[in-house]
Protein backbone atom coordinates (compact mmCIF):
# COMPACT_ATOMS: atom_id res chain seq x y z
CA MET A 1 -11.10 -44.85 8.30
CA ASP A 2 -8.29 -46.95 8.29
CA PHE A 3 -5.24 -45.98 9.73
CA GLN A 4 -3.14 -49.04 9.29
CA LEU A 5 0.08 -48.01 6.66
CA SER A 6 0.09 -48.56 2.68
CA ASP A 7 1.57 -50.37 1.19
CA ASP A 8 3.76 -47.79 -0.38
CA GLN A 9 3.95 -46.53 2.98
CA ARG A 10 5.36 -49.85 3.93
CA ALA A 11 7.95 -49.98 1.21
CA LEU A 12 9.03 -46.27 1.30
CA ARG A 13 9.88 -47.65 5.48
CA SER A 14 11.66 -50.96 4.07
CA GLY A 15 13.85 -48.85 1.41
CA MET A 16 15.07 -46.20 4.09
CA ARG A 17 15.31 -48.73 6.87
CA ASP A 18 17.26 -50.77 4.01
CA LEU A 19 19.12 -47.84 3.19
CA LEU A 20 20.25 -46.54 5.90
CA GLY A 21 21.77 -50.15 7.01
CA ALA A 22 23.76 -50.08 3.44
CA VAL A 23 25.12 -46.88 4.13
CA PHE A 24 25.19 -46.31 8.17
CA ASP A 25 26.29 -49.56 9.54
CA ARG A 26 27.97 -49.59 12.26
CA ASP A 27 31.79 -49.26 11.32
CA ARG A 28 29.55 -46.03 9.91
CA LEU A 29 28.69 -45.21 13.06
CA ARG A 30 31.50 -45.55 15.05
CA ALA A 31 33.11 -43.32 12.62
CA ALA A 32 31.14 -40.56 13.14
CA VAL A 33 31.81 -41.29 16.93
CA GLU A 34 35.12 -40.91 16.31
CA ARG A 35 34.66 -37.99 14.06
CA GLY A 36 33.16 -36.28 16.88
CA GLY A 37 29.63 -36.38 14.89
CA ALA A 38 30.94 -34.26 11.94
CA VAL A 39 28.67 -34.64 9.31
CA ASP A 40 29.67 -37.00 6.35
CA ARG A 41 28.62 -35.00 3.03
CA GLY A 42 28.71 -38.49 1.26
CA LEU A 43 26.04 -39.68 3.14
CA TRP A 44 24.10 -36.15 3.60
CA ARG A 45 24.30 -36.22 -0.80
CA GLU A 46 23.36 -40.08 -0.37
CA LEU A 47 20.18 -39.20 1.28
CA GLY A 48 19.28 -36.40 -0.89
CA ALA A 49 19.82 -38.51 -3.65
CA ALA A 50 16.92 -40.87 -2.03
CA GLY A 51 14.92 -37.65 -1.74
CA PHE A 52 14.57 -37.63 1.73
CA PHE A 53 14.95 -33.77 2.11
CA ALA A 54 12.72 -33.40 -0.54
CA LEU A 55 10.09 -35.43 0.35
CA ARG A 56 7.73 -33.28 0.88
CA LEU A 57 8.16 -30.03 -1.90
CA PRO A 58 6.37 -30.69 -4.66
CA GLU A 59 6.68 -32.95 -7.88
CA ALA A 60 7.23 -29.70 -9.78
CA GLU A 61 9.68 -28.67 -7.87
CA GLY A 62 11.52 -31.54 -8.16
CA GLY A 63 10.95 -33.30 -4.90
CA VAL A 64 8.35 -36.62 -3.98
CA GLY A 65 5.22 -34.52 -3.20
CA LEU A 66 4.21 -36.25 -0.37
CA GLY A 67 3.42 -35.34 3.33
CA LEU A 68 4.12 -35.32 6.58
CA PRO A 69 2.84 -39.01 7.55
CA GLU A 70 5.44 -40.43 4.81
CA ALA A 71 8.49 -37.67 6.81
CA VAL A 72 7.14 -39.52 9.60
CA LEU A 73 7.89 -42.93 8.66
CA LEU A 74 11.80 -41.78 7.16
CA PHE A 75 12.65 -40.11 10.25
CA GLU A 76 11.62 -42.77 11.99
CA GLU A 77 14.23 -44.88 10.84
CA ALA A 78 16.76 -42.00 11.33
CA GLY A 79 16.28 -42.32 14.77
CA ARG A 80 16.82 -46.01 15.22
CA ALA A 81 19.67 -45.63 13.27
CA LEU A 82 21.38 -42.68 15.12
CA LEU A 83 21.47 -40.90 12.36
CA PRO A 84 24.15 -37.78 13.42
CA GLY A 85 23.42 -34.47 11.64
CA PRO A 86 21.31 -31.36 11.26
CA LEU A 87 18.36 -34.08 9.55
CA VAL A 88 15.40 -32.33 10.56
CA ALA A 89 17.02 -28.27 9.78
CA THR A 90 17.68 -29.79 6.31
CA HIS A 91 14.35 -31.11 5.66
CA LEU A 92 12.86 -28.05 6.54
CA ALA A 93 14.69 -25.92 4.34
CA ALA A 94 14.52 -28.18 1.47
CA GLY A 95 13.57 -25.40 -1.44
CA LEU A 96 14.59 -22.26 1.31
CA VAL A 97 18.32 -22.47 1.32
CA LYS A 98 19.83 -23.49 -2.19
CA GLY A 99 21.16 -27.21 -2.70
CA ALA A 100 19.23 -28.21 0.97
CA ALA A 101 16.95 -30.68 -1.14
CA GLU A 102 19.43 -31.92 -2.78
CA GLY A 103 21.93 -32.82 0.33
CA GLU A 104 24.43 -30.61 -1.84
CA ALA A 105 23.84 -28.01 2.01
CA VAL A 106 23.78 -28.92 5.43
CA VAL A 107 20.90 -26.79 7.11
CA THR A 108 20.57 -26.73 10.85
CA ALA A 109 18.80 -24.09 12.43
CA ALA A 110 18.80 -21.59 16.44
CA ASP A 111 15.92 -22.74 18.73
CA GLY A 112 15.38 -19.54 20.60
CA ARG A 113 18.43 -19.58 22.77
CA LEU A 114 19.26 -23.13 23.15
CA PRO A 115 22.72 -23.83 21.81
CA VAL A 116 22.90 -24.87 18.07
CA ALA A 117 23.99 -28.29 16.41
CA HIS A 118 26.78 -28.79 13.97
CA LEU A 119 27.17 -25.10 13.55
CA GLY A 120 30.54 -25.38 12.60
CA GLU A 121 30.22 -27.05 9.34
CA ALA A 122 26.42 -25.37 8.38
CA ASP A 123 25.78 -23.94 5.02
CA ALA A 124 23.23 -21.96 6.15
CA VAL A 125 21.35 -21.54 9.94
CA LEU A 126 17.35 -20.91 10.13
CA ALA A 127 16.91 -18.07 12.35
CA GLY A 128 13.29 -16.63 12.61
CA ALA A 129 12.00 -15.60 9.09
CA GLY A 130 15.21 -15.74 7.17
CA ALA A 131 18.62 -17.97 7.16
CA LEU A 132 21.91 -16.93 7.59
CA ALA A 133 24.60 -17.53 5.21
CA GLY A 134 27.27 -16.64 3.30
CA GLU A 135 29.60 -14.07 4.88
CA ALA A 136 26.99 -13.88 7.98
CA LEU A 137 26.95 -16.88 8.78
CA ARG A 138 30.82 -17.48 8.89
CA ALA A 139 30.69 -14.17 10.94
CA CYS A 140 28.64 -15.85 13.50
CA ALA A 141 29.89 -19.49 13.38
CA ALA A 142 33.86 -17.66 14.95
CA ALA A 143 32.14 -15.73 17.33
CA ALA A 144 30.13 -18.75 18.45
CA ARG A 145 30.93 -19.78 21.81
CA PRO A 146 31.71 -24.18 21.40
CA VAL A 147 29.52 -26.14 24.38
CA ARG A 148 30.45 -29.29 25.60
CA SER A 149 27.36 -32.01 24.13
CA MET A 150 26.03 -35.02 26.56
CA ASP A 151 25.77 -36.20 22.39
CA PRO A 152 29.06 -37.19 20.49
CA LEU A 153 27.53 -37.38 17.92
CA THR A 154 26.01 -33.62 18.19
CA PRO A 155 28.67 -30.76 18.56
CA LEU A 156 27.42 -28.07 19.66
CA HIS A 157 27.64 -24.14 19.47
CA ARG A 158 26.41 -21.70 21.63
CA MET A 159 25.75 -17.85 19.02
CA PRO A 160 26.54 -14.93 19.98
CA SER A 161 23.12 -12.62 21.98
CA ALA A 162 22.99 -10.59 18.75
CA GLU A 163 22.51 -13.43 16.66
CA ARG A 164 20.30 -14.72 18.71
CA THR A 165 16.95 -16.03 16.32
CA THR A 166 13.54 -14.38 16.86
CA ALA A 167 10.86 -17.76 17.21
CA HIS A 168 9.75 -19.39 14.40
CA SER A 169 6.38 -20.08 12.76
CA GLU A 170 4.50 -21.92 14.67
CA ARG A 171 4.03 -24.53 11.56
CA PHE A 172 7.61 -24.70 11.65
CA ARG A 173 8.28 -25.13 14.66
CA CYS A 174 5.11 -27.29 14.94
CA GLU A 175 6.67 -29.27 12.11
CA ALA A 176 10.06 -29.48 14.18
CA ALA A 177 8.79 -31.27 16.80
CA LEU A 178 7.02 -33.98 14.91
CA LEU A 179 10.23 -34.64 13.03
CA THR A 180 11.91 -34.73 16.29
CA ALA A 181 9.20 -36.95 18.10
CA ALA A 182 9.43 -39.14 14.99
CA GLU A 183 12.99 -39.64 15.88
CA GLN A 184 12.80 -40.80 19.32
CA LEU A 185 10.06 -43.15 18.39
CA GLY A 186 12.60 -45.18 16.13
CA SER A 187 15.27 -45.01 19.07
CA ALA A 188 12.35 -46.06 21.78
CA ALA A 189 11.46 -48.42 19.26
CA ARG A 190 15.54 -49.96 18.47
CA THR A 191 16.44 -49.83 22.34
CA THR A 192 13.04 -52.43 22.76
CA GLU A 193 14.96 -54.45 20.47
CA ALA A 194 18.18 -54.71 21.93
CA ALA A 195 17.22 -54.87 25.45
CA VAL A 196 15.11 -58.15 24.15
CA GLN A 197 18.07 -59.72 22.23
CA HIS A 198 20.23 -59.38 24.66
CA ALA A 199 17.76 -60.60 27.55
CA GLY A 200 17.28 -63.79 25.72
CA GLU A 201 20.99 -64.53 24.95
CA ARG A 202 22.78 -63.13 28.03
CA GLU A 203 22.56 -66.20 30.91
CA GLN A 204 22.34 -65.89 34.31
CA PHE A 205 22.89 -69.08 36.80
CA GLY A 206 21.95 -71.06 33.93
CA SER A 207 18.95 -69.57 32.40
CA PRO A 208 18.55 -66.48 29.93
CA ILE A 209 18.40 -63.07 32.28
CA GLY A 210 14.95 -62.64 29.98
CA SER A 211 13.18 -65.75 32.58
CA PHE A 212 13.23 -63.32 34.94
CA GLN A 213 10.14 -61.61 35.90
CA ALA A 214 12.21 -57.79 36.85
CA VAL A 215 13.52 -58.32 33.42
CA LYS A 216 10.35 -59.11 31.73
CA HIS A 217 8.67 -56.63 33.29
CA LEU A 218 11.39 -53.81 32.27
CA CYS A 219 10.78 -55.15 28.51
CA ALA A 220 7.15 -54.77 28.89
CA ASP A 221 7.42 -51.31 30.65
CA MET A 222 9.42 -50.74 26.97
CA LEU A 223 6.74 -51.90 24.75
CA ALA A 224 4.24 -50.38 26.56
CA ARG A 225 5.53 -47.21 26.46
CA THR A 226 6.72 -46.92 22.63
CA GLU A 227 3.49 -47.81 21.05
CA PRO A 228 1.13 -45.48 22.58
CA ALA A 229 3.87 -42.83 21.64
CA ARG A 230 4.15 -44.30 17.83
CA ALA A 231 0.18 -43.57 17.92
CA ALA A 232 0.74 -40.64 18.73
CA VAL A 233 2.97 -39.83 16.83
CA TYR A 234 1.53 -41.01 13.69
CA ALA A 235 -2.34 -39.29 14.74
CA ALA A 236 -0.36 -36.06 14.74
CA ALA A 237 1.04 -36.21 11.53
CA VAL A 238 -2.17 -36.79 10.00
CA THR A 239 -3.76 -34.25 11.81
CA GLY A 240 -0.97 -31.57 12.23
CA ASP A 241 -2.82 -30.42 15.07
CA PRO A 242 -0.80 -28.46 17.48
CA VAL A 243 -1.63 -29.64 20.68
CA GLU A 244 -1.58 -33.25 19.28
CA ILE A 245 1.88 -32.48 17.85
CA ALA A 246 2.83 -31.91 21.73
CA ALA A 247 1.00 -34.84 23.35
CA ALA A 248 3.32 -36.58 21.04
CA LYS A 249 6.43 -34.59 21.83
CA LEU A 250 5.83 -35.42 25.46
CA LEU A 251 5.12 -39.32 24.94
CA ALA A 252 7.89 -40.00 22.57
CA ASP A 253 10.25 -38.39 24.62
CA GLU A 254 9.04 -40.65 27.65
CA ALA A 255 9.61 -43.47 25.25
CA ALA A 256 12.94 -42.97 23.73
CA VAL A 257 14.81 -41.71 27.06
CA ARG A 258 13.23 -44.21 29.81
CA ASN A 259 13.44 -46.75 26.93
CA ALA A 260 17.40 -46.20 26.83
CA ARG A 261 17.78 -46.47 30.78
CA ASP A 262 15.66 -49.49 31.12
CA CYS A 263 17.65 -51.37 28.11
CA LEU A 264 21.28 -49.86 29.49
CA GLN A 265 19.75 -51.74 32.85
CA ILE A 266 19.36 -54.88 31.09
CA HIS A 267 22.62 -54.89 29.53
CA GLY A 268 24.85 -53.60 32.68
CA GLY A 269 27.45 -52.45 32.88
CA MET A 270 28.61 -53.29 28.93
CA GLY A 271 25.48 -51.02 28.21
CA PHE A 272 28.04 -48.37 28.81
CA THR A 273 31.28 -49.70 26.74
CA TRP A 274 31.86 -47.71 23.46
CA GLU A 275 31.34 -51.55 21.85
CA ALA A 276 27.02 -51.27 22.71
CA ASP A 277 24.44 -47.98 21.05
CA VAL A 278 22.68 -47.91 24.24
CA HIS A 279 24.01 -45.08 25.65
CA LEU A 280 24.44 -43.07 22.09
CA HIS A 281 20.80 -44.06 22.02
CA LEU A 282 20.34 -42.38 25.80
CA LYS A 283 22.68 -39.55 25.04
CA ARG A 284 21.01 -38.33 21.40
CA ALA A 285 17.06 -38.71 23.61
CA TRP A 286 18.10 -36.96 26.13
CA LEU A 287 19.42 -33.77 23.68
CA ARG A 288 16.52 -34.34 21.46
CA SER A 289 13.62 -33.80 24.24
CA ALA A 290 15.14 -30.55 25.01
CA CYS A 291 14.40 -29.24 21.31
CA TRP A 292 11.61 -28.51 19.55
CA LEU A 293 8.94 -27.77 22.21
CA GLY A 294 10.58 -29.34 25.69
CA GLY A 295 9.08 -31.05 28.13
CA ALA A 296 7.64 -27.83 29.64
CA ALA A 297 6.61 -26.15 26.72
CA ALA A 298 4.33 -29.34 25.35
CA GLU A 299 2.59 -29.22 28.44
CA GLU A 300 2.15 -25.58 28.65
CA LEU A 301 0.15 -26.21 25.34
CA LEU A 302 -1.93 -28.96 26.94
CA ALA A 303 -2.71 -27.21 30.01
CA ALA A 304 -3.50 -24.18 27.87
CA ASP A 305 -5.69 -26.36 25.38
CA LEU A 306 -7.05 -28.44 28.27
CA GLY A 307 -8.34 -25.06 30.37
CA ALA A 308 -10.16 -23.58 27.08
CA ALA A 309 -12.15 -26.46 26.27
CA GLY A 310 -13.08 -26.13 30.14
CA PRO A 311 -14.19 -29.41 32.42
CA LEU A 312 -14.65 -32.82 31.09
CA PRO A 313 -18.37 -33.97 30.75
CA GLY A 314 -19.05 -36.20 33.72
CA SER A 315 -16.12 -34.60 35.92
CA SER A 316 -16.79 -33.43 39.65
CA ALA A 317 -15.81 -29.54 37.72
CA ALA A 318 -18.31 -29.82 35.02
CA TYR A 319 -21.01 -31.44 38.53
CA GLY A 320 -20.51 -28.26 40.22
CA ARG A 321 -20.17 -25.97 37.61
CA ALA A 322 -24.00 -27.00 36.19
CA GLY A 323 -25.63 -26.77 40.11
CA VAL A 324 -23.69 -23.37 40.23
CA GLU A 325 -25.08 -22.03 37.02
CA ALA A 326 -28.90 -24.00 38.15
CA GLY A 327 -28.61 -21.67 41.39
CA GLY A 328 -28.08 -25.27 43.10
CA GLY A 329 -24.04 -23.38 44.01
CA GLY A 330 -23.21 -22.06 47.62
């Protein structure tokens, strides 16, 4: 079985990277920071025209007709570029909320008791089995309380208790977690590249800092976290298995957060300046790690699956159980 990306998938990923490089360069990233993360409606429509949101809609419904593996590739590129806005929710709302597929509507989602991103700009909020829109949404937004966000590109509001969502379907939560993991993967890959580039350019004592063993180890660790996360995210996109998605989210969260921290260490003080992107990757990674299957929930899911499967063959627990069943246990 061949798990390599197909030529079409590589072209899709390359095309999205080129598009984001053209419509969301560093100047537009800085402009987004100055706007406090407000959604650029023009950019949103450009993404819609490129098929970003309608990627998985059937062609008969005006979509592209592709699947989760292709969606993961696009969201990986969005993570690399630090593209702001409720991308996951709008993508999942395509076909459910009018205008979402075309990028004409901005759709966010409520995830339990967590603050809601971009609530003030949203045309709809996915909440459990339904969606808030129109007068109900405006009333909810008016009563919502702003929450200080660690990410300057993601404004947050806490919805009134009466409007808090019931649980989304398992499929919705799994797909949201997987696409968020793909964004984390893209961020982890980008900070690895930024660290290696800076280590090759920055000199100390007449030599590039990349020649120092401590810096080499940091860069190697970043790559060693990114590639297992990539394999896990791509595999989960193929299987759609909730347990594999939980593992992928854990690995991608760790890679995104720890890589951004190591990248900051390599950059030194300049990594915290507004001219650098490194601290933005760290802040976004922190925020994403709490969304859609956070660490504790993912670990519980994995533990439950391991418990249901019983001890691994060859383990001491398996040998002990076999002895008891054979009458040899005390």
